[in-house]
PDB file of N, CA and C in Angstrom:
ATOM      1  N   UNK A   1     256.708 170.519  20.731  1.00  0.00           N
ATOM      2  CA  UNK A   1     257.083 169.663  19.619  1.00  0.00           C
ATOM      3  C   UNK A   1     258.562 169.287  19.695  1.00  0.00           C
ATOM      4  N   UNK A   2     259.420 170.231  20.023  1.00  0.00           N
ATOM      5  CA  UNK A   2     260.851 169.959  20.124  1.00  0.00           C
ATOM      6  C   UNK A   2     261.122 168.898  21.177  1.00  0.00           C
ATOM      7  N   UNK A   3     260.365 168.943  22.275  1.00  0.00           N
ATOM      8  CA  UNK A   3     260.551 167.973  23.347  1.00  0.00           C
ATOM      9  C   UNK A   3     260.310 166.558  22.821  1.00  0.00           C
ATOM     10  N   UNK A   4     259.287 166.359  22.005  1.00  0.00           N
ATOM     11  CA  UNK A   4     259.000 165.036  21.455  1.00  0.00           C
ATOM     12  C   UNK A   4     260.073 164.591  20.467  1.00  0.00           C
ATOM     13  N   UNK A   5     260.645 165.517  19.715  1.00  0.00           N
ATOM     14  CA  UNK A   5     261.702 165.158  18.778  1.00  0.00           C
ATOM     15  C   UNK A   5     262.924 164.608  19.507  1.00  0.00           C
ATOM     16  N   UNK A   6     263.160 165.063  20.713  1.00  0.00           N
ATOM     17  CA  UNK A   6     264.293 164.602  21.501  1.00  0.00           C
ATOM     18  C   UNK A   6     263.970 163.368  22.333  1.00  0.00           C
ATOM     19  N   UNK A   7     262.720 162.957  22.345  1.00  0.00           N
ATOM     20  CA  UNK A   7     262.289 161.795  23.113  1.00  0.00           C
ATOM     21  C   UNK A   7     262.544 160.534  22.283  1.00  0.00           C
ATOM     22  N   UNK A   8     263.459 159.660  22.726  1.00  0.00           N
ATOM     23  CA  UNK A   8     263.775 158.476  21.937  1.00  0.00           C
ATOM     24  C   UNK A   8     262.626 157.466  21.848  1.00  0.00           C
ATOM     25  N   UNK A   9     261.603 157.628  22.686  1.00  0.00           N
ATOM     26  CA  UNK A   9     260.462 156.717  22.661  1.00  0.00           C
ATOM     27  C   UNK A   9     259.295 157.263  21.840  1.00  0.00           C
ATOM     28  N   UNK A  10     259.432 158.473  21.329  1.00  0.00           N
ATOM     29  CA  UNK A  10     258.353 159.089  20.566  1.00  0.00           C
ATOM     30  C   UNK A  10     258.052 158.278  19.309  1.00  0.00           C
ATOM     31  N   UNK A  11     256.796 157.868  19.164  1.00  0.00           N
ATOM     32  CA  UNK A  11     256.365 157.141  17.980  1.00  0.00           C
ATOM     33  C   UNK A  11     256.654 155.649  18.018  1.00  0.00           C
ATOM     34  N   UNK A  12     257.181 155.156  19.128  1.00  0.00           N
ATOM     35  CA  UNK A  12     257.502 153.728  19.246  1.00  0.00           C
ATOM     36  C   UNK A  12     256.509 153.104  20.227  1.00  0.00           C
ATOM     37  N   UNK A  13     255.865 152.032  19.796  1.00  0.00           N
ATOM     38  CA  UNK A  13     254.891 151.369  20.661  1.00  0.00           C
ATOM     39  C   UNK A  13     255.598 150.437  21.641  1.00  0.00           C
ATOM     40  N   UNK A  14     254.906 150.094  22.694  1.00  0.00           N
ATOM     41  CA  UNK A  14     255.444 149.160  23.673  1.00  0.00           C
ATOM     42  C   UNK A  14     255.716 147.809  23.013  1.00  0.00           C
ATOM     43  N   UNK A  15     254.861 147.414  22.098  1.00  0.00           N
ATOM     44  CA  UNK A  15     255.072 146.146  21.393  1.00  0.00           C
ATOM     45  C   UNK A  15     256.345 146.188  20.548  1.00  0.00           C
ATOM     46  N   UNK A  16     256.596 147.292  19.877  1.00  0.00           N
ATOM     47  CA  UNK A  16     257.825 147.438  19.094  1.00  0.00           C
ATOM     48  C   UNK A  16     259.055 147.389  19.997  1.00  0.00           C
ATOM     49  N   UNK A  17     258.964 148.031  21.148  1.00  0.00           N
ATOM     50  CA  UNK A  17     260.065 148.030  22.111  1.00  0.00           C
ATOM     51  C   UNK A  17     260.352 146.601  22.568  1.00  0.00           C
ATOM     52  N   UNK A  18     259.314 145.895  22.958  1.00  0.00           N
ATOM     53  CA  UNK A  18     259.475 144.532  23.461  1.00  0.00           C
ATOM     54  C   UNK A  18     260.018 143.609  22.373  1.00  0.00           C
ATOM     55  N   UNK A  19     259.499 143.726  21.165  1.00  0.00           N
ATOM     56  CA  UNK A  19     259.992 142.904  20.062  1.00  0.00           C
ATOM     57  C   UNK A  19     261.474 143.153  19.789  1.00  0.00           C
ATOM     58  N   UNK A  20     261.888 144.408  19.823  1.00  0.00           N
ATOM     59  CA  UNK A  20     263.298 144.743  19.591  1.00  0.00           C
ATOM     60  C   UNK A  20     264.185 144.155  20.685  1.00  0.00           C
ATOM     61  N   UNK A  21     263.732 144.250  21.926  1.00  0.00           N
ATOM     62  CA  UNK A  21     264.515 143.708  23.039  1.00  0.00           C
ATOM     63  C   UNK A  21     264.612 142.184  22.963  1.00  0.00           C
ATOM     64  N   UNK A  22     263.511 141.523  22.643  1.00  0.00           N
ATOM     65  CA  UNK A  22     263.517 140.061  22.536  1.00  0.00           C
ATOM     66  C   UNK A  22     264.395 139.625  21.358  1.00  0.00           C
ATOM     67  N   UNK A  23     264.327 140.362  20.270  1.00  0.00           N
ATOM     68  CA  UNK A  23     265.158 140.044  19.109  1.00  0.00           C
ATOM     69  C   UNK A  23     266.647 140.169  19.447  1.00  0.00           C
ATOM     70  N   UNK A  24     266.988 141.195  20.196  1.00  0.00           N
ATOM     71  CA  UNK A  24     268.398 141.428  20.528  1.00  0.00           C
ATOM     72  C   UNK A  24     268.904 140.523  21.651  1.00  0.00           C
ATOM     73  N   UNK A  25     268.168 140.468  22.759  1.00  0.00           N
ATOM     74  CA  UNK A  25     268.636 139.740  23.944  1.00  0.00           C
ATOM     75  C   UNK A  25     268.093 138.313  24.046  1.00  0.00           C
ATOM     76  N   UNK A  26     266.990 138.037  23.367  1.00  0.00           N
ATOM     77  CA  UNK A  26     266.211 136.810  23.524  1.00  0.00           C
ATOM     78  C   UNK A  26     265.638 136.776  24.939  1.00  0.00           C
ATOM     79  N   UNK A  27     264.682 135.898  25.185  1.00  0.00           N
ATOM     80  CA  UNK A  27     263.981 135.886  26.479  1.00  0.00           C
ATOM     81  C   UNK A  27     264.915 135.665  27.671  1.00  0.00           C
ATOM     82  N   UNK A  28     265.844 134.701  27.610  1.00  0.00           N
ATOM     83  CA  UNK A  28     266.718 134.491  28.780  1.00  0.00           C
ATOM     84  C   UNK A  28     267.584 135.720  29.098  1.00  0.00           C
ATOM     85  N   UNK A  29     268.094 136.372  28.066  1.00  0.00           N
ATOM     86  CA  UNK A  29     268.916 137.569  28.277  1.00  0.00           C
ATOM     87  C   UNK A  29     268.101 138.730  28.814  1.00  0.00           C
ATOM     88  N   UNK A  30     266.879 138.842  28.351  1.00  0.00           N
ATOM     89  CA  UNK A  30     265.994 139.897  28.839  1.00  0.00           C
ATOM     90  C   UNK A  30     265.624 139.650  30.299  1.00  0.00           C
ATOM     91  N   UNK A  31     265.345 138.398  30.634  1.00  0.00           N
ATOM     92  CA  UNK A  31     265.010 138.042  32.021  1.00  0.00           C
ATOM     93  C   UNK A  31     266.198 138.291  32.951  1.00  0.00           C
ATOM     94  N   UNK A  32     267.401 138.119  32.428  1.00  0.00           N
ATOM     95  CA  UNK A  32     268.605 138.362  33.223  1.00  0.00           C
ATOM     96  C   UNK A  32     268.772 139.858  33.518  1.00  0.00           C
ATOM     97  N   UNK A  33     268.410 140.681  32.556  1.00  0.00           N
ATOM     98  CA  UNK A  33     268.571 142.133  32.709  1.00  0.00           C
ATOM     99  C   UNK A  33     267.426 142.780  33.484  1.00  0.00           C
ATOM    100  N   UNK A  34     266.217 142.238  33.309  1.00  0.00           N
ATOM    101  CA  UNK A  34     265.045 142.760  34.004  1.00  0.00           C
ATOM    102  C   UNK A  34     264.375 141.573  34.692  1.00  0.00           C
ATOM    103  N   UNK A  35     264.474 141.546  36.005  1.00  0.00           N
ATOM    104  CA  UNK A  35     264.032 140.396  36.786  1.00  0.00           C
ATOM    105  C   UNK A  35     262.526 140.442  37.043  1.00  0.00           C
ATOM    106  N   UNK A  36     261.755 140.026  36.029  1.00  0.00           N
ATOM    107  CA  UNK A  36     260.306 139.906  36.208  1.00  0.00           C
ATOM    108  C   UNK A  36     259.858 138.555  35.651  1.00  0.00           C
ATOM    109  N   UNK A  37     258.882 137.971  36.305  1.00  0.00           N
ATOM    110  CA  UNK A  37     258.458 136.607  36.016  1.00  0.00           C
ATOM    111  C   UNK A  37     257.936 136.423  34.595  1.00  0.00           C
ATOM    112  N   UNK A  38     257.284 137.433  34.032  1.00  0.00           N
ATOM    113  CA  UNK A  38     256.716 137.244  32.696  1.00  0.00           C
ATOM    114  C   UNK A  38     257.801 137.063  31.629  1.00  0.00           C
ATOM    115  N   UNK A  39     259.051 137.396  31.959  1.00  0.00           N
ATOM    116  CA  UNK A  39     260.161 137.157  31.038  1.00  0.00           C
ATOM    117  C   UNK A  39     260.829 135.806  31.306  1.00  0.00           C
ATOM    118  N   UNK A  40     260.537 135.204  32.453  1.00  0.00           N
ATOM    119  CA  UNK A  40     261.202 133.964  32.855  1.00  0.00           C
ATOM    120  C   UNK A  40     260.336 132.726  32.665  1.00  0.00           C
ATOM    121  N   UNK A  41     259.090 132.823  33.040  1.00  0.00           N
ATOM    122  CA  UNK A  41     258.213 131.662  33.064  1.00  0.00           C
ATOM    123  C   UNK A  41     257.271 131.678  31.853  1.00  0.00           C
ATOM    124  N   UNK A  42     257.538 130.825  30.879  1.00  0.00           N
ATOM    125  CA  UNK A  42     256.726 130.710  29.677  1.00  0.00           C
ATOM    126  C   UNK A  42     256.459 132.080  29.034  1.00  0.00           C
ATOM    127  N   UNK A  43     257.524 132.791  28.646  1.00  0.00           N
ATOM    128  CA  UNK A  43     257.356 134.154  28.143  1.00  0.00           C
ATOM    129  C   UNK A  43     256.690 134.217  26.767  1.00  0.00           C
ATOM    130  N   UNK A  44     255.907 135.255  26.586  1.00  0.00           N
ATOM    131  CA  UNK A  44     255.326 135.550  25.277  1.00  0.00           C
ATOM    132  C   UNK A  44     255.159 137.061  25.177  1.00  0.00           C
ATOM    133  N   UNK A  45     255.089 137.531  23.963  1.00  0.00           N
ATOM    134  CA  UNK A  45     254.891 138.966  23.745  1.00  0.00           C
ATOM    135  C   UNK A  45     253.558 139.390  24.352  1.00  0.00           C
ATOM    136  N   UNK A  46     252.502 138.616  24.090  1.00  0.00           N
ATOM    137  CA  UNK A  46     251.160 138.987  24.561  1.00  0.00           C
ATOM    138  C   UNK A  46     251.084 139.089  26.087  1.00  0.00           C
ATOM    139  N   UNK A  47     251.578 138.067  26.785  1.00  0.00           N
ATOM    140  CA  UNK A  47     251.494 138.103  28.253  1.00  0.00           C
ATOM    141  C   UNK A  47     252.385 139.198  28.834  1.00  0.00           C
ATOM    142  N   UNK A  48     253.532 139.411  28.215  1.00  0.00           N
ATOM    143  CA  UNK A  48     254.436 140.459  28.700  1.00  0.00           C
ATOM    144  C   UNK A  48     253.827 141.839  28.491  1.00  0.00           C
ATOM    145  N   UNK A  49     253.193 142.056  27.343  1.00  0.00           N
ATOM    146  CA  UNK A  49     252.546 143.352  27.092  1.00  0.00           C
ATOM    147  C   UNK A  49     251.438 143.609  28.104  1.00  0.00           C
ATOM    148  N   UNK A  50     250.658 142.588  28.399  1.00  0.00           N
ATOM    149  CA  UNK A  50     249.583 142.727  29.384  1.00  0.00           C
ATOM    150  C   UNK A  50     250.154 143.155  30.731  1.00  0.00           C
ATOM    151  N   UNK A  51     251.210 142.479  31.165  1.00  0.00           N
ATOM    152  CA  UNK A  51     251.830 142.805  32.447  1.00  0.00           C
ATOM    153  C   UNK A  51     252.438 144.212  32.428  1.00  0.00           C
ATOM    154  N   UNK A  52     253.175 144.536  31.385  1.00  0.00           N
ATOM    155  CA  UNK A  52     253.863 145.837  31.322  1.00  0.00           C
ATOM    156  C   UNK A  52     252.880 147.008  31.258  1.00  0.00           C
ATOM    157  N   UNK A  53     251.750 146.812  30.618  1.00  0.00           N
ATOM    158  CA  UNK A  53     250.751 147.891  30.534  1.00  0.00           C
ATOM    159  C   UNK A  53     250.107 148.165  31.887  1.00  0.00           C
ATOM    160  N   UNK A  54     250.095 147.174  32.757  1.00  0.00           N
ATOM    161  CA  UNK A  54     249.486 147.326  34.085  1.00  0.00           C
ATOM    162  C   UNK A  54     250.499 147.666  35.170  1.00  0.00           C
ATOM    163  N   UNK A  55     251.794 147.608  34.848  1.00  0.00           N
ATOM    164  CA  UNK A  55     252.829 147.742  35.866  1.00  0.00           C
ATOM    165  C   UNK A  55     253.840 148.816  35.457  1.00  0.00           C
ATOM    166  N   UNK A  56     253.605 150.056  35.891  1.00  0.00           N
ATOM    167  CA  UNK A  56     254.458 151.174  35.465  1.00  0.00           C
ATOM    168  C   UNK A  56     255.949 150.997  35.773  1.00  0.00           C
ATOM    169  N   UNK A  57     256.304 150.449  36.934  1.00  0.00           N
ATOM    170  CA  UNK A  57     257.729 150.323  37.257  1.00  0.00           C
ATOM    171  C   UNK A  57     258.433 149.351  36.310  1.00  0.00           C
ATOM    172  N   UNK A  58     257.739 148.294  35.905  1.00  0.00           N
ATOM    173  CA  UNK A  58     258.337 147.320  34.984  1.00  0.00           C
ATOM    174  C   UNK A  58     258.443 147.918  33.580  1.00  0.00           C
ATOM    175  N   UNK A  59     257.413 148.630  33.169  1.00  0.00           N
ATOM    176  CA  UNK A  59     257.446 149.276  31.849  1.00  0.00           C
ATOM    177  C   UNK A  59     258.592 150.278  31.779  1.00  0.00           C
ATOM    178  N   UNK A  60     258.800 151.001  32.853  1.00  0.00           N
ATOM    179  CA  UNK A  60     259.888 151.974  32.902  1.00  0.00           C
ATOM    180  C   UNK A  60     261.247 151.297  32.708  1.00  0.00           C
ATOM    181  N   UNK A  61     261.435 150.155  33.350  1.00  0.00           N
ATOM    182  CA  UNK A  61     262.697 149.412  33.204  1.00  0.00           C
ATOM    183  C   UNK A  61     262.880 148.936  31.767  1.00  0.00           C
ATOM    184  N   UNK A  62     261.813 148.457  31.152  1.00  0.00           N
ATOM    185  CA  UNK A  62     261.873 147.994  29.766  1.00  0.00           C
ATOM    186  C   UNK A  62     262.206 149.167  28.837  1.00  0.00           C
ATOM    187  N   UNK A  63     261.557 150.302  29.055  1.00  0.00           N
ATOM    188  CA  UNK A  63     261.819 151.481  28.221  1.00  0.00           C
ATOM    189  C   UNK A  63     263.256 151.959  28.378  1.00  0.00           C
ATOM    190  N   UNK A  64     263.783 151.943  29.609  1.00  0.00           N
ATOM    191  CA  UNK A  64     265.172 152.355  29.836  1.00  0.00           C
ATOM    192  C   UNK A  64     266.159 151.437  29.123  1.00  0.00           C
ATOM    193  N   UNK A  65     265.903 150.142  29.191  1.00  0.00           N
ATOM    194  CA  UNK A  65     266.780 149.183  28.516  1.00  0.00           C
ATOM    195  C   UNK A  65     266.724 149.390  27.002  1.00  0.00           C
ATOM    196  N   UNK A  66     265.560 149.673  26.472  1.00  0.00           N
ATOM    197  CA  UNK A  66     265.398 149.916  25.034  1.00  0.00           C
ATOM    198  C   UNK A  66     266.182 151.161  24.609  1.00  0.00           C
ATOM    199  N   UNK A  67     266.064 152.231  25.365  1.00  0.00           N
ATOM    200  CA  UNK A  67     266.786 153.463  25.041  1.00  0.00           C
ATOM    201  C   UNK A  67     268.293 153.199  25.069  1.00  0.00           C
ATOM    202  N   UNK A  68     268.738 152.469  26.069  1.00  0.00           N
ATOM    203  CA  UNK A  68     270.162 152.129  26.180  1.00  0.00           C
ATOM    204  C   UNK A  68     270.609 151.311  24.960  1.00  0.00           C
ATOM    205  N   UNK A  69     269.799 150.346  24.559  1.00  0.00           N
ATOM    206  CA  UNK A  69     270.108 149.524  23.394  1.00  0.00           C
ATOM    207  C   UNK A  69     270.178 150.370  22.129  1.00  0.00           C
ATOM    208  N   UNK A  70     269.221 151.257  21.950  1.00  0.00           N
ATOM    209  CA  UNK A  70     269.198 152.095  20.748  1.00  0.00           C
ATOM    210  C   UNK A  70     270.402 153.039  20.697  1.00  0.00           C
ATOM    211  N   UNK A  71     270.831 153.514  21.842  1.00  0.00           N
ATOM    212  CA  UNK A  71     272.014 154.398  21.877  1.00  0.00           C
ATOM    213  C   UNK A  71     273.276 153.652  21.483  1.00  0.00           C
ATOM    214  N   UNK A  72     273.372 152.383  21.832  1.00  0.00           N
ATOM    215  CA  UNK A  72     274.568 151.609  21.492  1.00  0.00           C
ATOM    216  C   UNK A  72     274.533 151.160  20.023  1.00  0.00           C
ATOM    217  N   UNK A  73     273.352 151.039  19.455  1.00  0.00           N
ATOM    218  CA  UNK A  73     273.221 150.596  18.059  1.00  0.00           C
ATOM    219  C   UNK A  73     273.431 151.720  17.061  1.00  0.00           C
ATOM    220  N   UNK A  74     273.086 152.927  17.444  1.00  0.00           N
ATOM    221  CA  UNK A  74     273.161 154.053  16.508  1.00  0.00           C
ATOM    222  C   UNK A  74     274.528 154.721  16.561  1.00  0.00           C
ATOM    223  N   UNK A  75     275.097 154.967  15.383  1.00  0.00           N
ATOM    224  CA  UNK A  75     276.354 155.727  15.385  1.00  0.00           C
ATOM    225  C   UNK A  75     276.092 157.189  15.731  1.00  0.00           C
ATOM    226  N   UNK A  76     276.985 157.793  16.459  1.00  0.00           N
ATOM    227  CA  UNK A  76     276.811 159.185  16.911  1.00  0.00           C
ATOM    228  C   UNK A  76     277.139 160.166  15.863  1.00  0.00           C
TER     229      UNK A  76
END
């Protein structure tokens, strides 16, 4: 249980992560940070979620960027 409390992704869905990133960076900024086509060519939440759920390396990059964003937003 303690391990999950320290996990910044605990209780956060992939859709919530993607929405937060798009809200903060917008699609062009997200595509600049993570070079994948679903963020560059006619991006949408639905198509990006489909791709990220099937592609572990891309999902990992998205999750890392989200954790980094949350660390910069939260006061220590």
